Amino acid sequence: MEGLNAEKTVLLQRPTDKVLAMAQEKKMALCEVCGSFLVANDAVERTQSHVTGKQHVGYGLVRDFIAEQKVSLRTNT
């Protein structure tokens, strides 16, 4: 019985999977253009791949178009 109690105590003192996952969680950054979550301080290749990707480029084009439309509406009124 004492052996089981000792084993139980050891198991209860171990960090849970949730605690381990939180410790291994990576720092994330939000892309200001497309809103994607990126790993902060990621490899240059991955960051460059994101910036040249379809989603990022597409959101950039939409943002530019909207900004141009806002300017043209202000000058026309």
PDB file of N, CA and C in Angstrom:
ATOM      1  N   MET A   1       0.807  -1.185   0.000  1.00  0.00           N
ATOM      2  CA  MET A   1       0.000   0.000   0.000  1.00  0.00           C
ATOM      3  C   MET A   1       0.857   1.259   0.000  1.00  0.00           C
ATOM      4  N   GLU A   2       1.946   1.238   0.772  1.00  0.00           N
ATOM      5  CA  GLU A   2       2.824   2.400   0.832  1.00  0.00           C
ATOM      6  C   GLU A   2       3.479   2.646  -0.523  1.00  0.00           C
ATOM      7  N   GLY A   3       3.785   1.598  -1.230  1.00  0.00           N
ATOM      8  CA  GLY A   3       4.390   1.722  -2.558  1.00  0.00           C
ATOM      9  C   GLY A   3       3.461   2.425  -3.529  1.00  0.00           C
ATOM     10  N   LEU A   4       2.168   2.083  -3.448  1.00  0.00           N
ATOM     11  CA  LEU A   4       1.186   2.725  -4.315  1.00  0.00           C
ATOM     12  C   LEU A   4       1.020   4.202  -3.966  1.00  0.00           C
ATOM     13  N   ASN A   5       1.016   4.515  -2.684  1.00  0.00           N
ATOM     14  CA  ASN A   5       0.895   5.906  -2.268  1.00  0.00           C
ATOM     15  C   ASN A   5       2.111   6.714  -2.730  1.00  0.00           C
ATOM     16  N   ALA A   6       3.273   6.144  -2.652  1.00  0.00           N
ATOM     17  CA  ALA A   6       4.487   6.831  -3.102  1.00  0.00           C
ATOM     18  C   ALA A   6       4.437   7.056  -4.612  1.00  0.00           C
ATOM     19  N   GLU A   7       3.979   6.042  -5.354  1.00  0.00           N
ATOM     20  CA  GLU A   7       3.856   6.177  -6.807  1.00  0.00           C
ATOM     21  C   GLU A   7       2.816   7.239  -7.168  1.00  0.00           C
ATOM     22  N   LYS A   8       1.718   7.273  -6.422  1.00  0.00           N
ATOM     23  CA  LYS A   8       0.672   8.272  -6.661  1.00  0.00           C
ATOM     24  C   LYS A   8       1.226   9.675  -6.429  1.00  0.00           C
ATOM     25  N   THR A   9       1.988   9.856  -5.373  1.00  0.00           N
ATOM     26  CA  THR A   9       2.575  11.157  -5.058  1.00  0.00           C
ATOM     27  C   THR A   9       3.518  11.607  -6.168  1.00  0.00           C
ATOM     28  N   VAL A  10       4.317  10.691  -6.678  1.00  0.00           N
ATOM     29  CA  VAL A  10       5.245  11.025  -7.759  1.00  0.00           C
ATOM     30  C   VAL A  10       4.481  11.424  -9.011  1.00  0.00           C
ATOM     31  N   LEU A  11       3.430  10.685  -9.331  1.00  0.00           N
ATOM     32  CA  LEU A  11       2.641  10.997 -10.517  1.00  0.00           C
ATOM     33  C   LEU A  11       1.924  12.338 -10.389  1.00  0.00           C
ATOM     34  N   LEU A  12       1.434  12.658  -9.215  1.00  0.00           N
ATOM     35  CA  LEU A  12       0.731  13.918  -9.010  1.00  0.00           C
ATOM     36  C   LEU A  12       1.674  15.124  -9.059  1.00  0.00           C
ATOM     37  N   GLN A  13       2.934  14.904  -8.748  1.00  0.00           N
ATOM     38  CA  GLN A  13       3.891  15.997  -8.771  1.00  0.00           C
ATOM     39  C   GLN A  13       4.424  16.285 -10.175  1.00  0.00           C
ATOM     40  N   ARG A  14       4.228  15.374 -11.105  1.00  0.00           N
ATOM     41  CA  ARG A  14       4.677  15.593 -12.484  1.00  0.00           C
ATOM     42  C   ARG A  14       3.824  16.655 -13.145  1.00  0.00           C
ATOM     43  N   PRO A  15       4.447  17.492 -13.992  1.00  0.00           N
ATOM     44  CA  PRO A  15       3.635  18.487 -14.704  1.00  0.00           C
ATOM     45  C   PRO A  15       2.685  17.805 -15.677  1.00  0.00           C
ATOM     46  N   THR A  16       1.528  18.381 -15.823  1.00  0.00           N
ATOM     47  CA  THR A  16       0.531  17.804 -16.723  1.00  0.00           C
ATOM     48  C   THR A  16       0.891  18.139 -18.167  1.00  0.00           C
ATOM     49  N   ASP A  17       0.203  17.493 -19.095  1.00  0.00           N
ATOM     50  CA  ASP A  17       0.430  17.751 -20.515  1.00  0.00           C
ATOM     51  C   ASP A  17       0.114  19.201 -20.860  1.00  0.00           C
ATOM     52  N   LYS A  18      -0.896  19.766 -20.210  1.00  0.00           N
ATOM     53  CA  LYS A  18      -1.273  21.158 -20.477  1.00  0.00           C
ATOM     54  C   LYS A  18      -0.138  22.102 -20.080  1.00  0.00           C
ATOM     55  N   VAL A  19       0.479  21.844 -18.960  1.00  0.00           N
ATOM     56  CA  VAL A  19       1.594  22.679 -18.499  1.00  0.00           C
ATOM     57  C   VAL A  19       2.765  22.547 -19.461  1.00  0.00           C
ATOM     58  N   LEU A  20       3.034  21.345 -19.918  1.00  0.00           N
ATOM     59  CA  LEU A  20       4.132  21.135 -20.871  1.00  0.00           C
ATOM     60  C   LEU A  20       3.847  21.837 -22.187  1.00  0.00           C
ATOM     61  N   ALA A  21       2.608  21.789 -22.640  1.00  0.00           N
ATOM     62  CA  ALA A  21       2.252  22.442 -23.901  1.00  0.00           C
ATOM     63  C   ALA A  21       2.416  23.942 -23.779  1.00  0.00           C
ATOM     64  N   MET A  22       2.053  24.505 -22.639  1.00  0.00           N
ATOM     65  CA  MET A  22       2.197  25.945 -22.448  1.00  0.00           C
ATOM     66  C   MET A  22       3.671  26.341 -22.428  1.00  0.00           C
ATOM     67  N   ALA A  23       4.516  25.508 -21.856  1.00  0.00           N
ATOM     68  CA  ALA A  23       5.942  25.808 -21.795  1.00  0.00           C
ATOM     69  C   ALA A  23       6.574  25.740 -23.180  1.00  0.00           C
ATOM     70  N   GLN A  24       6.079  24.843 -24.029  1.00  0.00           N
ATOM     71  CA  GLN A  24       6.638  24.670 -25.361  1.00  0.00           C
ATOM     72  C   GLN A  24       5.985  25.585 -26.387  1.00  0.00           C
ATOM     73  N   GLU A  25       4.979  26.358 -25.973  1.00  0.00           N
ATOM     74  CA  GLU A  25       4.255  27.230 -26.883  1.00  0.00           C
ATOM     75  C   GLU A  25       5.203  28.297 -27.428  1.00  0.00           C
ATOM     76  N   LYS A  26       5.086  28.553 -28.723  1.00  0.00           N
ATOM     77  CA  LYS A  26       5.969  29.525 -29.352  1.00  0.00           C
ATOM     78  C   LYS A  26       5.345  30.911 -29.301  1.00  0.00           C
ATOM     79  N   LYS A  27       6.184  31.913 -29.303  1.00  0.00           N
ATOM     80  CA  LYS A  27       5.718  33.291 -29.334  1.00  0.00           C
ATOM     81  C   LYS A  27       5.174  33.573 -30.723  1.00  0.00           C
ATOM     82  N   MET A  28       3.994  34.169 -30.770  1.00  0.00           N
ATOM     83  CA  MET A  28       3.352  34.436 -32.048  1.00  0.00           C
ATOM     84  C   MET A  28       3.271  35.938 -32.274  1.00  0.00           C
ATOM     85  N   ALA A  29       3.284  36.305 -33.550  1.00  0.00           N
ATOM     86  CA  ALA A  29       3.123  37.701 -33.948  1.00  0.00           C
ATOM     87  C   ALA A  29       2.010  37.767 -34.978  1.00  0.00           C
ATOM     88  N   LEU A  30       1.311  38.873 -35.002  1.00  0.00           N
ATOM     89  CA  LEU A  30       0.214  39.056 -35.934  1.00  0.00           C
ATOM     90  C   LEU A  30       0.706  39.847 -37.137  1.00  0.00           C
ATOM     91  N   CYS A  31       0.464  39.333 -38.336  1.00  0.00           N
ATOM     92  CA  CYS A  31       0.834  40.041 -39.559  1.00  0.00           C
ATOM     93  C   CYS A  31      -0.101  41.236 -39.704  1.00  0.00           C
ATOM     94  N   GLU A  32       0.461  42.420 -39.837  1.00  0.00           N
ATOM     95  CA  GLU A  32      -0.334  43.645 -39.924  1.00  0.00           C
ATOM     96  C   GLU A  32      -1.076  43.758 -41.254  1.00  0.00           C
ATOM     97  N   VAL A  33      -0.645  43.032 -42.270  1.00  0.00           N
ATOM     98  CA  VAL A  33      -1.266  43.125 -43.592  1.00  0.00           C
ATOM     99  C   VAL A  33      -2.435  42.164 -43.717  1.00  0.00           C
ATOM    100  N   CYS A  34      -2.207  40.890 -43.430  1.00  0.00           N
ATOM    101  CA  CYS A  34      -3.234  39.888 -43.708  1.00  0.00           C
ATOM    102  C   CYS A  34      -3.865  39.279 -42.461  1.00  0.00           C
ATOM    103  N   GLY A  35      -3.312  39.556 -41.284  1.00  0.00           N
ATOM    104  CA  GLY A  35      -3.903  39.049 -40.053  1.00  0.00           C
ATOM    105  C   GLY A  35      -3.514  37.630 -39.691  1.00  0.00           C
ATOM    106  N   SER A  36      -2.572  37.045 -40.395  1.00  0.00           N
ATOM    107  CA  SER A  36      -2.125  35.693 -40.073  1.00  0.00           C
ATOM    108  C   SER A  36      -1.239  35.712 -38.833  1.00  0.00           C
ATOM    109  N   PHE A  37      -1.276  34.625 -38.087  1.00  0.00           N
ATOM    110  CA  PHE A  37      -0.362  34.477 -36.969  1.00  0.00           C
ATOM    111  C   PHE A  37       0.925  33.884 -37.484  1.00  0.00           C
ATOM    112  N   LEU A  38       2.035  34.519 -37.121  1.00  0.00           N
ATOM    113  CA  LEU A  38       3.351  34.054 -37.532  1.00  0.00           C
ATOM    114  C   LEU A  38       4.170  33.753 -36.288  1.00  0.00           C
ATOM    115  N   VAL A  39       5.111  32.840 -36.417  1.00  0.00           N
ATOM    116  CA  VAL A  39       6.005  32.552 -35.314  1.00  0.00           C
ATOM    117  C   VAL A  39       7.017  33.694 -35.246  1.00  0.00           C
ATOM    118  N   ALA A  40       7.082  34.341 -34.081  1.00  0.00           N
ATOM    119  CA  ALA A  40       8.018  35.452 -33.909  1.00  0.00           C
ATOM    120  C   ALA A  40       9.448  34.924 -34.001  1.00  0.00           C
ATOM    121  N   ASN A  41      10.306  35.694 -34.597  1.00  0.00           N
ATOM    122  CA  ASN A  41      11.720  35.333 -34.777  1.00  0.00           C
ATOM    123  C   ASN A  41      11.875  34.032 -35.550  1.00  0.00           C
ATOM    124  N   ASP A  42      11.028  33.831 -36.546  1.00  0.00           N
ATOM    125  CA  ASP A  42      11.076  32.636 -37.378  1.00  0.00           C
ATOM    126  C   ASP A  42      12.202  32.773 -38.400  1.00  0.00           C
ATOM    127  N   ALA A  43      12.503  31.698 -39.073  1.00  0.00           N
ATOM    128  CA  ALA A  43      13.552  31.704 -40.085  1.00  0.00           C
ATOM    129  C   ALA A  43      13.201  32.696 -41.194  1.00  0.00           C
ATOM    130  N   VAL A  44      14.215  33.312 -41.763  1.00  0.00           N
ATOM    131  CA  VAL A  44      14.031  34.318 -42.805  1.00  0.00           C
ATOM    132  C   VAL A  44      13.297  33.718 -44.005  1.00  0.00           C
ATOM    133  N   GLU A  45      13.592  32.478 -44.344  1.00  0.00           N
ATOM    134  CA  GLU A  45      12.958  31.830 -45.492  1.00  0.00           C
ATOM    135  C   GLU A  45      11.451  31.712 -45.298  1.00  0.00           C
ATOM    136  N   ARG A  46      11.036  31.353 -44.095  1.00  0.00           N
ATOM    137  CA  ARG A  46       9.604  31.200 -43.824  1.00  0.00           C
ATOM    138  C   ARG A  46       8.902  32.548 -43.852  1.00  0.00           C
ATOM    139  N   THR A  47       9.552  33.565 -43.299  1.00  0.00           N
ATOM    140  CA  THR A  47       8.966  34.904 -43.313  1.00  0.00           C
ATOM    141  C   THR A  47       8.845  35.406 -44.743  1.00  0.00           C
ATOM    142  N   GLN A  48       9.894  35.202 -45.534  1.00  0.00           N
ATOM    143  CA  GLN A  48       9.864  35.626 -46.933  1.00  0.00           C
ATOM    144  C   GLN A  48       8.784  34.865 -47.700  1.00  0.00           C
ATOM    145  N   SER A  49       8.630  33.589 -47.396  1.00  0.00           N
ATOM    146  CA  SER A  49       7.603  32.774 -48.042  1.00  0.00           C
ATOM    147  C   SER A  49       6.214  33.323 -47.719  1.00  0.00           C
ATOM    148  N   HIS A  50       6.018  33.755 -46.486  1.00  0.00           N
ATOM    149  CA  HIS A  50       4.725  34.325 -46.105  1.00  0.00           C
ATOM    150  C   HIS A  50       4.451  35.621 -46.864  1.00  0.00           C
ATOM    151  N   VAL A  51       5.455  36.490 -46.908  1.00  0.00           N
ATOM    152  CA  VAL A  51       5.277  37.811 -47.519  1.00  0.00           C
ATOM    153  C   VAL A  51       4.999  37.693 -49.018  1.00  0.00           C
ATOM    154  N   THR A  52       5.501  36.673 -49.667  1.00  0.00           N
ATOM    155  CA  THR A  52       5.269  36.498 -51.102  1.00  0.00           C
ATOM    156  C   THR A  52       4.089  35.573 -51.386  1.00  0.00           C
ATOM    157  N   GLY A  53       3.421  35.107 -50.336  1.00  0.00           N
ATOM    158  CA  GLY A  53       2.298  34.184 -50.508  1.00  0.00           C
ATOM    159  C   GLY A  53       1.050  34.860 -51.035  1.00  0.00           C
ATOM    160  N   LYS A  54       0.149  34.053 -51.577  1.00  0.00           N
ATOM    161  CA  LYS A  54      -1.075  34.558 -52.213  1.00  0.00           C
ATOM    162  C   LYS A  54      -1.971  35.315 -51.234  1.00  0.00           C
ATOM    163  N   GLN A  55      -2.151  34.790 -50.052  1.00  0.00           N
ATOM    164  CA  GLN A  55      -3.045  35.427 -49.087  1.00  0.00           C
ATOM    165  C   GLN A  55      -2.501  36.794 -48.683  1.00  0.00           C
ATOM    166  N   HIS A  56      -1.224  36.864 -48.347  1.00  0.00           N
ATOM    167  CA  HIS A  56      -0.626  38.118 -47.909  1.00  0.00           C
ATOM    168  C   HIS A  56      -0.660  39.160 -49.033  1.00  0.00           C
ATOM    169  N   VAL A  57      -0.286  38.754 -50.226  1.00  0.00           N
ATOM    170  CA  VAL A  57      -0.279  39.676 -51.367  1.00  0.00           C
ATOM    171  C   VAL A  57      -1.701  40.142 -51.674  1.00  0.00           C
ATOM    172  N   GLY A  58      -2.655  39.230 -51.649  1.00  0.00           N
ATOM    173  CA  GLY A  58      -4.045  39.573 -51.932  1.00  0.00           C
ATOM    174  C   GLY A  58      -4.602  40.570 -50.939  1.00  0.00           C
ATOM    175  N   TYR A  59      -4.377  40.354 -49.660  1.00  0.00           N
ATOM    176  CA  TYR A  59      -4.844  41.298 -48.651  1.00  0.00           C
ATOM    177  C   TYR A  59      -4.165  42.651 -48.825  1.00  0.00           C
ATOM    178  N   GLY A  60      -2.890  42.651 -49.199  1.00  0.00           N
ATOM    179  CA  GLY A  60      -2.184  43.906 -49.448  1.00  0.00           C
ATOM    180  C   GLY A  60      -2.817  44.683 -50.586  1.00  0.00           C
ATOM    181  N   LEU A  61      -3.192  43.986 -51.651  1.00  0.00           N
ATOM    182  CA  LEU A  61      -3.837  44.645 -52.787  1.00  0.00           C
ATOM    183  C   LEU A  61      -5.196  45.226 -52.394  1.00  0.00           C
ATOM    184  N   VAL A  62      -5.947  44.473 -51.617  1.00  0.00           N
ATOM    185  CA  VAL A  62      -7.255  44.955 -51.172  1.00  0.00           C
ATOM    186  C   VAL A  62      -7.095  46.188 -50.284  1.00  0.00           C
ATOM    187  N   ARG A  63      -6.138  46.155 -49.365  1.00  0.00           N
ATOM    188  CA  ARG A  63      -5.913  47.300 -48.485  1.00  0.00           C
ATOM    189  C   ARG A  63      -5.495  48.533 -49.287  1.00  0.00           C
ATOM    190  N   ASP A  64      -4.628  48.352 -50.264  1.00  0.00           N
ATOM    191  CA  ASP A  64      -4.196  49.471 -51.106  1.00  0.00           C
ATOM    192  C   ASP A  64      -5.378  50.050 -51.879  1.00  0.00           C
ATOM    193  N   PHE A  65      -6.217  49.181 -52.434  1.00  0.00           N
ATOM    194  CA  PHE A  65      -7.374  49.630 -53.199  1.00  0.00           C
ATOM    195  C   PHE A  65      -8.324  50.444 -52.316  1.00  0.00           C
ATOM    196  N   ILE A  66      -8.586  49.943 -51.122  1.00  0.00           N
ATOM    197  CA  ILE A  66      -9.490  50.641 -50.204  1.00  0.00           C
ATOM    198  C   ILE A  66      -8.907  52.004 -49.819  1.00  0.00           C
ATOM    199  N   ALA A  67      -7.610  52.061 -49.564  1.00  0.00           N
ATOM    200  CA  ALA A  67      -6.976  53.336 -49.222  1.00  0.00           C
ATOM    201  C   ALA A  67      -7.094  54.326 -50.376  1.00  0.00           C
ATOM    202  N   GLU A  68      -6.892  53.864 -51.605  1.00  0.00           N
ATOM    203  CA  GLU A  68      -7.024  54.733 -52.778  1.00  0.00           C
ATOM    204  C   GLU A  68      -8.458  55.232 -52.918  1.00  0.00           C
ATOM    205  N   GLN A  69      -9.433  54.378 -52.682  1.00  0.00           N
ATOM    206  CA  GLN A  69     -10.836  54.761 -52.792  1.00  0.00           C
ATOM    207  C   GLN A  69     -11.203  55.807 -51.739  1.00  0.00           C
ATOM    208  N   LYS A  70     -10.693  55.641 -50.538  1.00  0.00           N
ATOM    209  CA  LYS A  70     -10.968  56.621 -49.482  1.00  0.00           C
ATOM    210  C   LYS A  70     -10.400  57.987 -49.857  1.00  0.00           C
ATOM    211  N   VAL A  71      -9.188  58.000 -50.421  1.00  0.00           N
ATOM    212  CA  VAL A  71      -8.566  59.262 -50.831  1.00  0.00           C
ATOM    213  C   VAL A  71      -9.369  59.905 -51.958  1.00  0.00           C
ATOM    214  N   SER A  72      -9.785  59.110 -52.933  1.00  0.00           N
ATOM    215  CA  SER A  72     -10.524  59.672 -54.053  1.00  0.00           C
ATOM    216  C   SER A  72     -11.905  60.182 -53.617  1.00  0.00           C
ATOM    217  N   LEU A  73     -12.519  59.533 -52.637  1.00  0.00           N
ATOM    218  CA  LEU A  73     -13.806  60.015 -52.127  1.00  0.00           C
ATOM    219  C   LEU A  73     -13.643  61.343 -51.391  1.00  0.00           C
ATOM    220  N   ARG A  74     -12.555  61.510 -50.668  1.00  0.00           N
ATOM    221  CA  ARG A  74     -12.309  62.755 -49.943  1.00  0.00           C
ATOM    222  C   ARG A  74     -12.048  63.906 -50.905  1.00  0.00           C
ATOM    223  N   THR A  75     -11.341  63.644 -51.996  1.00  0.00           N
ATOM    224  CA  THR A  75     -11.019  64.714 -52.938  1.00  0.00           C
ATOM    225  C   THR A  75     -12.202  65.067 -53.820  1.00  0.00           C
ATOM    226  N   ASN A  76     -13.124  64.157 -54.052  1.00  0.00           N
ATOM    227  CA  ASN A  76     -14.289  64.403 -54.898  1.00  0.00           C
ATOM    228  C   ASN A  76     -15.432  65.067 -54.157  1.00  0.00           C
ATOM    229  N   THR A  77     -15.408  65.056 -52.861  1.00  0.00           N
ATOM    230  CA  THR A  77     -16.521  65.652 -52.117  1.00  0.00           C
ATOM    231  C   THR A  77     -16.167  66.972 -51.500  1.00  0.00           C
TER     232      THR A  77
END
